[in-house]
């Protein structure tokens, strides 16, 4: 089930997630961005998943680094997904900041600003063998990726 305690890795992942989102929400939203037409069920799943993922990322010490083993590759993969997520933000912030740029694929990954953080937290949950984090991330993924795909579909002529 998991060892209760503070997760430094979870805190770092959350910081990597929240900082660019704060910058985006205050200064870098694409012109004409409108969240009012989002599917209600997806939005509820996204909000519930955000709360659950944030909580479970912080309260289980199982995601903190341990002695190296083959299982540690899960943590490496999670970190790689999070670094790629940050690179996606860099690409967006250096672009013209249009909706098309915001939802543009990266290395064949559709809506990378939605998919990559979900992948990172899912891999972190696998590394920590934390079913609560895996389940929370699944709920978040359904909502977050679903909302982003909905927005991307609305852009197509």
N, C-alpha and C. Protein backbone atom coordinates (compact mmCIF):
# COMPACT_ATOMS: atom_id res chain seq x y z
N UNK A 1 0.82 -1.20 0.00
CA UNK A 1 0.00 0.00 0.00
C UNK A 1 0.86 1.25 0.00
N UNK A 2 2.02 1.22 0.63
CA UNK A 2 2.89 2.38 0.64
C UNK A 2 3.31 2.77 2.04
N UNK A 3 4.51 3.30 2.13
CA UNK A 3 5.06 3.77 3.40
C UNK A 3 4.78 5.26 3.52
N UNK A 4 3.97 5.63 4.52
CA UNK A 4 3.68 7.04 4.71
C UNK A 4 4.94 7.80 5.09
N UNK A 5 5.08 8.97 4.53
CA UNK A 5 6.23 9.84 4.78
C UNK A 5 6.34 10.82 3.62
N UNK A 6 7.16 11.81 3.78
CA UNK A 6 7.30 12.85 2.76
C UNK A 6 8.13 12.33 1.58
N UNK A 7 7.67 12.63 0.38
CA UNK A 7 8.40 12.27 -0.83
C UNK A 7 9.05 13.51 -1.43
N UNK A 8 10.35 13.57 -1.33
CA UNK A 8 11.09 14.67 -1.96
C UNK A 8 10.96 14.59 -3.48
N UNK A 9 11.02 13.39 -4.03
CA UNK A 9 10.88 13.22 -5.47
C UNK A 9 9.50 13.68 -5.92
N UNK A 10 8.47 13.32 -5.17
CA UNK A 10 7.12 13.79 -5.50
C UNK A 10 7.03 15.30 -5.47
N UNK A 11 7.66 15.92 -4.49
CA UNK A 11 7.65 17.38 -4.38
C UNK A 11 8.37 18.02 -5.57
N UNK A 12 9.49 17.45 -5.97
CA UNK A 12 10.23 17.98 -7.12
C UNK A 12 9.40 17.83 -8.39
N UNK A 13 8.77 16.67 -8.58
CA UNK A 13 7.92 16.47 -9.76
C UNK A 13 6.77 17.47 -9.77
N UNK A 14 6.16 17.70 -8.62
CA UNK A 14 5.05 18.65 -8.56
C UNK A 14 5.52 20.07 -8.85
N UNK A 15 6.68 20.42 -8.35
CA UNK A 15 7.24 21.74 -8.63
C UNK A 15 7.49 21.89 -10.13
N UNK A 16 8.05 20.86 -10.75
CA UNK A 16 8.29 20.88 -12.19
C UNK A 16 6.99 20.98 -12.97
N UNK A 17 5.92 20.48 -12.41
CA UNK A 17 4.60 20.55 -13.04
C UNK A 17 3.96 21.92 -12.85
N UNK A 18 4.00 22.43 -11.63
CA UNK A 18 3.26 23.65 -11.30
C UNK A 18 3.90 24.93 -11.82
N UNK A 19 5.21 25.04 -11.79
CA UNK A 19 5.86 26.30 -12.16
C UNK A 19 5.53 26.72 -13.60
N UNK A 20 5.75 25.86 -14.61
CA UNK A 20 5.41 26.32 -15.96
C UNK A 20 3.91 26.57 -16.15
N UNK A 21 3.08 25.80 -15.43
CA UNK A 21 1.64 26.03 -15.53
C UNK A 21 1.25 27.39 -14.95
N UNK A 22 1.90 27.80 -13.88
CA UNK A 22 1.65 29.13 -13.32
C UNK A 22 2.07 30.23 -14.29
N UNK A 23 3.23 30.07 -14.89
CA UNK A 23 3.69 31.04 -15.88
C UNK A 23 2.70 31.11 -17.03
N UNK A 24 2.29 29.95 -17.52
CA UNK A 24 1.33 29.89 -18.63
C UNK A 24 0.03 30.58 -18.26
N UNK A 25 -0.51 30.29 -17.09
CA UNK A 25 -1.81 30.84 -16.72
C UNK A 25 -1.78 32.35 -16.51
N UNK A 26 -0.62 32.89 -16.15
CA UNK A 26 -0.53 34.33 -15.88
C UNK A 26 -0.06 35.15 -17.07
N UNK A 27 0.77 34.55 -17.93
CA UNK A 27 1.37 35.39 -18.98
C UNK A 27 1.42 34.77 -20.37
N UNK A 28 1.12 33.50 -20.53
CA UNK A 28 1.42 32.87 -21.81
C UNK A 28 0.29 32.05 -22.41
N UNK A 29 -0.96 32.31 -22.00
CA UNK A 29 -2.06 31.57 -22.63
C UNK A 29 -2.17 31.98 -24.09
N UNK A 30 -2.53 31.02 -24.94
CA UNK A 30 -2.72 31.38 -26.35
C UNK A 30 -3.88 32.37 -26.49
N UNK A 31 -3.80 33.25 -27.46
CA UNK A 31 -4.88 34.19 -27.72
C UNK A 31 -6.17 33.42 -27.99
N UNK A 32 -7.23 33.83 -27.37
CA UNK A 32 -8.53 33.20 -27.59
C UNK A 32 -8.75 31.91 -26.82
N UNK A 33 -7.85 31.56 -25.92
CA UNK A 33 -8.02 30.32 -25.15
C UNK A 33 -9.31 30.41 -24.34
N UNK A 34 -10.14 29.37 -24.44
CA UNK A 34 -11.42 29.37 -23.74
C UNK A 34 -11.70 27.97 -23.22
N UNK A 35 -11.79 27.84 -21.91
CA UNK A 35 -12.04 26.54 -21.29
C UNK A 35 -13.52 26.28 -21.04
N UNK A 36 -14.38 27.20 -21.45
CA UNK A 36 -15.79 27.08 -21.09
C UNK A 36 -16.51 25.90 -21.74
N UNK A 37 -16.03 25.40 -22.87
CA UNK A 37 -16.72 24.31 -23.56
C UNK A 37 -16.22 22.93 -23.20
N UNK A 38 -15.41 22.81 -22.15
CA UNK A 38 -14.85 21.51 -21.79
C UNK A 38 -15.93 20.55 -21.31
N UNK A 39 -15.73 19.29 -21.65
CA UNK A 39 -16.63 18.24 -21.21
C UNK A 39 -16.64 18.19 -19.68
N UNK A 40 -17.83 18.23 -19.11
CA UNK A 40 -17.97 18.30 -17.65
C UNK A 40 -17.40 17.07 -16.95
N UNK A 41 -17.63 15.88 -17.48
CA UNK A 41 -17.12 14.65 -16.88
C UNK A 41 -15.59 14.63 -16.90
N UNK A 42 -15.02 15.04 -18.03
CA UNK A 42 -13.56 15.10 -18.12
C UNK A 42 -12.98 16.12 -17.16
N UNK A 43 -13.65 17.25 -17.03
CA UNK A 43 -13.17 18.29 -16.11
C UNK A 43 -13.23 17.80 -14.66
N UNK A 44 -14.29 17.09 -14.30
CA UNK A 44 -14.40 16.54 -12.94
C UNK A 44 -13.29 15.51 -12.69
N UNK A 45 -13.07 14.63 -13.68
CA UNK A 45 -11.99 13.63 -13.55
C UNK A 45 -10.64 14.33 -13.42
N UNK A 46 -10.43 15.38 -14.21
CA UNK A 46 -9.17 16.10 -14.14
C UNK A 46 -8.97 16.72 -12.76
N UNK A 47 -9.97 17.39 -12.24
CA UNK A 47 -9.84 18.06 -10.93
C UNK A 47 -9.64 17.04 -9.81
N UNK A 48 -10.41 15.97 -9.84
CA UNK A 48 -10.25 14.92 -8.82
C UNK A 48 -8.87 14.29 -8.93
N UNK A 49 -8.43 14.01 -10.15
CA UNK A 49 -7.11 13.44 -10.37
C UNK A 49 -6.00 14.36 -9.93
N UNK A 50 -6.17 15.67 -10.14
CA UNK A 50 -5.17 16.63 -9.69
C UNK A 50 -5.01 16.57 -8.17
N UNK A 51 -6.12 16.58 -7.47
CA UNK A 51 -6.06 16.55 -6.00
C UNK A 51 -5.46 15.23 -5.51
N UNK A 52 -5.91 14.12 -6.09
CA UNK A 52 -5.42 12.81 -5.66
C UNK A 52 -3.94 12.61 -6.00
N UNK A 53 -3.54 13.01 -7.20
CA UNK A 53 -2.15 12.84 -7.61
C UNK A 53 -1.22 13.72 -6.78
N UNK A 54 -1.63 14.95 -6.54
CA UNK A 54 -0.83 15.84 -5.71
C UNK A 54 -0.64 15.26 -4.32
N UNK A 55 -1.71 14.80 -3.72
CA UNK A 55 -1.65 14.24 -2.37
C UNK A 55 -0.80 12.98 -2.32
N UNK A 56 -1.09 12.03 -3.21
CA UNK A 56 -0.37 10.76 -3.16
C UNK A 56 1.09 10.91 -3.56
N UNK A 57 1.41 11.93 -4.35
CA UNK A 57 2.81 12.18 -4.72
C UNK A 57 3.64 12.62 -3.52
N UNK A 58 2.99 13.27 -2.58
CA UNK A 58 3.71 13.85 -1.44
C UNK A 58 3.74 12.96 -0.20
N UNK A 59 2.72 12.14 0.02
CA UNK A 59 2.58 11.48 1.33
C UNK A 59 3.17 10.08 1.40
N UNK A 60 3.72 9.57 0.30
CA UNK A 60 4.33 8.24 0.32
C UNK A 60 5.83 8.36 0.04
N UNK A 61 6.63 7.92 0.98
CA UNK A 61 8.09 7.99 0.85
C UNK A 61 8.66 6.96 -0.13
N UNK A 62 7.83 6.07 -0.62
CA UNK A 62 8.29 4.99 -1.50
C UNK A 62 8.88 5.49 -2.82
N UNK A 63 8.61 6.74 -3.18
CA UNK A 63 9.13 7.26 -4.45
C UNK A 63 10.50 7.93 -4.28
N UNK A 64 10.99 8.02 -3.06
CA UNK A 64 12.33 8.58 -2.84
C UNK A 64 13.37 7.58 -3.33
N UNK A 65 14.53 8.07 -3.78
CA UNK A 65 15.56 7.17 -4.30
C UNK A 65 16.03 6.15 -3.25
N UNK A 66 16.32 4.96 -3.75
CA UNK A 66 16.85 3.88 -2.92
C UNK A 66 18.16 3.42 -3.54
N UNK A 67 18.73 2.39 -2.98
CA UNK A 67 19.94 1.82 -3.58
C UNK A 67 19.61 1.39 -5.00
N UNK A 68 20.61 1.55 -5.89
CA UNK A 68 20.40 1.22 -7.30
C UNK A 68 20.07 -0.25 -7.48
N UNK A 69 19.06 -0.51 -8.31
CA UNK A 69 18.68 -1.87 -8.71
C UNK A 69 18.06 -1.75 -10.09
N UNK A 70 17.80 -2.86 -10.74
CA UNK A 70 17.12 -2.77 -12.04
C UNK A 70 15.78 -2.03 -11.95
N UNK A 71 15.14 -2.08 -10.80
CA UNK A 71 13.87 -1.39 -10.60
C UNK A 71 14.04 0.12 -10.69
N UNK A 72 15.24 0.63 -10.44
CA UNK A 72 15.52 2.07 -10.48
C UNK A 72 15.31 2.66 -11.86
N UNK A 73 15.33 1.83 -12.89
CA UNK A 73 15.09 2.34 -14.25
C UNK A 73 13.71 2.96 -14.38
N UNK A 74 12.76 2.52 -13.55
CA UNK A 74 11.43 3.16 -13.55
C UNK A 74 11.53 4.62 -13.14
N UNK A 75 12.36 4.91 -12.15
CA UNK A 75 12.58 6.29 -11.71
C UNK A 75 13.29 7.09 -12.80
N UNK A 76 14.25 6.47 -13.46
CA UNK A 76 14.96 7.13 -14.56
C UNK A 76 13.96 7.47 -15.67
N UNK A 77 13.09 6.54 -16.00
CA UNK A 77 12.09 6.77 -17.04
C UNK A 77 11.12 7.89 -16.63
N UNK A 78 10.72 7.90 -15.36
CA UNK A 78 9.84 8.96 -14.87
C UNK A 78 10.51 10.31 -14.98
N UNK A 79 11.78 10.38 -14.58
CA UNK A 79 12.53 11.63 -14.67
C UNK A 79 12.70 12.07 -16.13
N UNK A 80 12.93 11.13 -17.02
CA UNK A 80 13.08 11.45 -18.43
C UNK A 80 11.78 12.02 -18.99
N UNK A 81 10.66 11.44 -18.60
CA UNK A 81 9.35 11.97 -19.04
C UNK A 81 9.15 13.38 -18.53
N UNK A 82 9.54 13.64 -17.27
CA UNK A 82 9.37 14.97 -16.71
C UNK A 82 10.30 15.98 -17.37
N UNK A 83 11.53 15.59 -17.67
CA UNK A 83 12.46 16.48 -18.37
C UNK A 83 11.93 16.80 -19.77
N UNK A 84 11.40 15.80 -20.45
CA UNK A 84 10.83 16.03 -21.79
C UNK A 84 9.62 16.96 -21.69
N UNK A 85 8.84 16.83 -20.64
CA UNK A 85 7.72 17.75 -20.38
C UNK A 85 8.23 19.18 -20.26
N UNK A 86 9.30 19.37 -19.50
CA UNK A 86 9.87 20.71 -19.34
C UNK A 86 10.36 21.24 -20.69
N UNK A 87 10.96 20.38 -21.51
CA UNK A 87 11.41 20.79 -22.83
C UNK A 87 10.23 21.20 -23.71
N UNK A 88 9.08 20.54 -23.52
CA UNK A 88 7.87 20.91 -24.26
C UNK A 88 7.44 22.33 -23.89
N UNK A 89 7.55 22.65 -22.62
CA UNK A 89 7.22 24.01 -22.18
C UNK A 89 8.19 25.02 -22.76
N UNK A 90 9.48 24.70 -22.76
CA UNK A 90 10.47 25.61 -23.33
C UNK A 90 10.12 25.87 -24.79
N UNK A 91 9.81 24.81 -25.52
CA UNK A 91 9.44 24.97 -26.93
C UNK A 91 8.23 25.89 -27.08
N UNK A 92 7.22 25.67 -26.23
CA UNK A 92 6.02 26.51 -26.30
C UNK A 92 6.33 27.97 -25.95
N UNK A 93 7.05 28.20 -24.86
CA UNK A 93 7.34 29.57 -24.43
C UNK A 93 8.20 30.33 -25.45
N UNK A 94 9.00 29.61 -26.23
CA UNK A 94 9.84 30.25 -27.24
C UNK A 94 9.10 30.40 -28.57
N UNK A 95 7.89 29.85 -28.67
CA UNK A 95 7.11 29.91 -29.91
C UNK A 95 6.28 31.19 -29.94
N UNK A 96 5.39 31.26 -30.91
CA UNK A 96 4.48 32.39 -31.03
C UNK A 96 3.32 32.28 -30.02
N UNK A 97 3.31 31.20 -29.25
CA UNK A 97 2.31 30.96 -28.21
C UNK A 97 0.88 30.93 -28.74
N UNK A 98 0.72 30.19 -29.82
CA UNK A 98 -0.61 30.00 -30.38
C UNK A 98 -1.19 28.69 -29.85
N UNK A 99 -2.47 28.49 -30.05
CA UNK A 99 -3.11 27.24 -29.64
C UNK A 99 -2.51 26.05 -30.39
N UNK A 100 -2.19 26.26 -31.66
CA UNK A 100 -1.57 25.17 -32.44
C UNK A 100 -0.23 24.77 -31.83
N UNK A 101 0.55 25.74 -31.39
CA UNK A 101 1.84 25.45 -30.75
C UNK A 101 1.62 24.74 -29.41
N UNK A 102 0.60 25.14 -28.70
CA UNK A 102 0.32 24.57 -27.38
C UNK A 102 -0.01 23.08 -27.46
N UNK A 103 -0.72 22.68 -28.49
CA UNK A 103 -1.16 21.28 -28.62
C UNK A 103 -0.31 20.48 -29.61
N UNK A 104 0.74 21.07 -30.15
CA UNK A 104 1.59 20.42 -31.16
C UNK A 104 2.33 19.21 -30.58
N UNK A 105 2.40 18.16 -31.37
CA UNK A 105 3.10 16.93 -30.97
C UNK A 105 4.59 17.19 -30.79
N UNK A 106 5.21 16.34 -29.98
CA UNK A 106 6.65 16.39 -29.76
C UNK A 106 7.19 14.97 -29.84
N UNK A 107 8.13 14.72 -30.74
CA UNK A 107 8.70 13.39 -30.92
C UNK A 107 7.60 12.33 -31.13
N UNK A 108 6.52 12.71 -31.81
CA UNK A 108 5.42 11.80 -32.07
C UNK A 108 4.44 11.64 -30.92
N UNK A 109 4.67 12.32 -29.81
CA UNK A 109 3.76 12.26 -28.66
C UNK A 109 2.68 13.32 -28.87
N UNK A 110 1.42 12.91 -29.00
CA UNK A 110 0.34 13.89 -29.16
C UNK A 110 0.12 14.64 -27.85
N UNK A 111 -0.30 15.89 -27.95
CA UNK A 111 -0.54 16.76 -26.79
C UNK A 111 0.46 16.48 -25.65
N UNK A 112 1.75 16.72 -25.92
CA UNK A 112 2.78 16.36 -24.94
C UNK A 112 2.65 17.07 -23.59
N UNK A 113 2.06 18.26 -23.59
CA UNK A 113 1.91 18.97 -22.32
C UNK A 113 0.83 18.33 -21.44
N UNK A 114 0.09 17.39 -21.99
CA UNK A 114 -0.86 16.61 -21.20
C UNK A 114 -0.34 15.19 -20.96
N UNK A 115 0.21 14.59 -21.99
CA UNK A 115 0.62 13.18 -21.92
C UNK A 115 1.88 12.97 -21.06
N UNK A 116 2.87 13.84 -21.23
CA UNK A 116 4.16 13.62 -20.56
C UNK A 116 4.10 13.69 -19.03
N UNK A 117 3.37 14.64 -18.43
CA UNK A 117 3.32 14.62 -16.97
C UNK A 117 2.55 13.41 -16.45
N UNK A 118 1.55 12.96 -17.20
CA UNK A 118 0.81 11.76 -16.80
C UNK A 118 1.75 10.56 -16.84
N UNK A 119 2.52 10.46 -17.91
CA UNK A 119 3.49 9.37 -18.02
C UNK A 119 4.50 9.43 -16.88
N UNK A 120 4.97 10.64 -16.54
CA UNK A 120 5.96 10.79 -15.48
C UNK A 120 5.41 10.30 -14.14
N UNK A 121 4.21 10.72 -13.79
CA UNK A 121 3.64 10.32 -12.50
C UNK A 121 3.24 8.85 -12.49
N UNK A 122 2.79 8.32 -13.63
CA UNK A 122 2.49 6.89 -13.71
C UNK A 122 3.76 6.07 -13.50
N UNK A 123 4.84 6.45 -14.16
CA UNK A 123 6.11 5.75 -13.99
C UNK A 123 6.65 5.91 -12.58
N UNK A 124 6.44 7.07 -11.97
CA UNK A 124 6.85 7.28 -10.58
C UNK A 124 6.05 6.35 -9.66
N UNK A 125 4.77 6.19 -9.94
CA UNK A 125 3.95 5.27 -9.16
C UNK A 125 4.41 3.82 -9.30
N UNK A 126 4.81 3.45 -10.51
CA UNK A 126 5.33 2.10 -10.73
C UNK A 126 6.64 1.93 -9.96
N UNK A 127 7.52 2.93 -10.05
CA UNK A 127 8.79 2.87 -9.32
C UNK A 127 8.54 2.66 -7.83
N UNK A 128 7.61 3.42 -7.27
CA UNK A 128 7.32 3.31 -5.84
C UNK A 128 6.41 2.16 -5.48
N UNK A 129 5.93 1.43 -6.50
CA UNK A 129 4.97 0.32 -6.28
C UNK A 129 3.77 0.83 -5.49
N UNK A 130 3.28 2.00 -5.92
CA UNK A 130 2.19 2.68 -5.22
C UNK A 130 0.91 2.64 -6.03
N UNK A 131 0.05 1.69 -5.72
CA UNK A 131 -1.23 1.59 -6.41
C UNK A 131 -2.05 2.87 -6.24
N UNK A 132 -2.04 3.54 -5.07
CA UNK A 132 -2.82 4.78 -4.96
C UNK A 132 -2.34 5.87 -5.94
N UNK A 133 -1.03 6.00 -6.13
CA UNK A 133 -0.52 7.00 -7.08
C UNK A 133 -0.84 6.59 -8.51
N UNK A 134 -0.74 5.33 -8.82
CA UNK A 134 -1.06 4.85 -10.17
C UNK A 134 -2.54 5.10 -10.47
N UNK A 135 -3.40 4.78 -9.52
CA UNK A 135 -4.84 4.99 -9.71
C UNK A 135 -5.18 6.48 -9.83
N UNK A 136 -4.58 7.31 -8.97
CA UNK A 136 -4.82 8.75 -9.03
C UNK A 136 -4.37 9.31 -10.37
N UNK A 137 -3.22 8.86 -10.84
CA UNK A 137 -2.70 9.33 -12.12
C UNK A 137 -3.59 8.88 -13.27
N UNK A 138 -4.15 7.68 -13.18
CA UNK A 138 -5.07 7.20 -14.22
C UNK A 138 -6.30 8.11 -14.30
N UNK A 139 -6.85 8.47 -13.16
CA UNK A 139 -8.01 9.37 -13.13
C UNK A 139 -7.62 10.72 -13.73
N UNK A 140 -6.48 11.25 -13.31
CA UNK A 140 -5.99 12.51 -13.85
C UNK A 140 -5.77 12.40 -15.36
N UNK A 141 -5.18 11.33 -15.80
CA UNK A 141 -4.90 11.15 -17.22
C UNK A 141 -6.15 11.14 -18.07
N UNK A 142 -7.18 10.46 -17.61
CA UNK A 142 -8.45 10.42 -18.35
C UNK A 142 -8.98 11.84 -18.54
N UNK A 143 -9.00 12.60 -17.46
CA UNK A 143 -9.53 13.95 -17.54
C UNK A 143 -8.61 14.90 -18.28
N UNK A 144 -7.34 14.93 -17.91
CA UNK A 144 -6.41 15.91 -18.45
C UNK A 144 -6.13 15.68 -19.93
N UNK A 145 -5.81 14.46 -20.29
CA UNK A 145 -5.55 14.16 -21.70
C UNK A 145 -6.83 14.33 -22.51
N UNK A 146 -7.96 13.90 -21.94
CA UNK A 146 -9.25 14.07 -22.63
C UNK A 146 -9.57 15.52 -22.92
N UNK A 147 -9.36 16.40 -21.96
CA UNK A 147 -9.63 17.83 -22.15
C UNK A 147 -8.69 18.39 -23.22
N UNK A 148 -7.41 18.04 -23.16
CA UNK A 148 -6.46 18.54 -24.15
C UNK A 148 -6.81 18.05 -25.55
N UNK A 149 -7.21 16.79 -25.68
CA UNK A 149 -7.61 16.29 -27.00
C UNK A 149 -8.85 16.99 -27.51
N UNK A 150 -9.77 17.30 -26.60
CA UNK A 150 -10.97 18.03 -26.97
C UNK A 150 -10.60 19.42 -27.52
N UNK A 151 -9.71 20.11 -26.85
CA UNK A 151 -9.26 21.42 -27.32
C UNK A 151 -8.55 21.31 -28.67
N UNK A 152 -7.70 20.31 -28.81
CA UNK A 152 -6.97 20.14 -30.06
C UNK A 152 -7.92 19.86 -31.23
N UNK A 153 -8.92 19.01 -30.97
CA UNK A 153 -9.92 18.72 -32.02
C UNK A 153 -10.67 19.97 -32.45
N UNK A 154 -10.93 20.86 -31.50
CA UNK A 154 -11.67 22.10 -31.81
C UNK A 154 -10.85 23.03 -32.72
N UNK A 155 -9.55 22.88 -32.77
CA UNK A 155 -8.70 23.71 -33.60
C UNK A 155 -8.75 23.33 -35.07
N UNK A 156 -9.05 22.09 -35.34
CA UNK A 156 -9.02 21.60 -36.72
C UNK A 156 -10.17 22.21 -37.52
N UNK A 157 -9.87 22.63 -38.76
CA UNK A 157 -10.92 23.25 -39.60
C UNK A 157 -11.96 22.26 -40.05
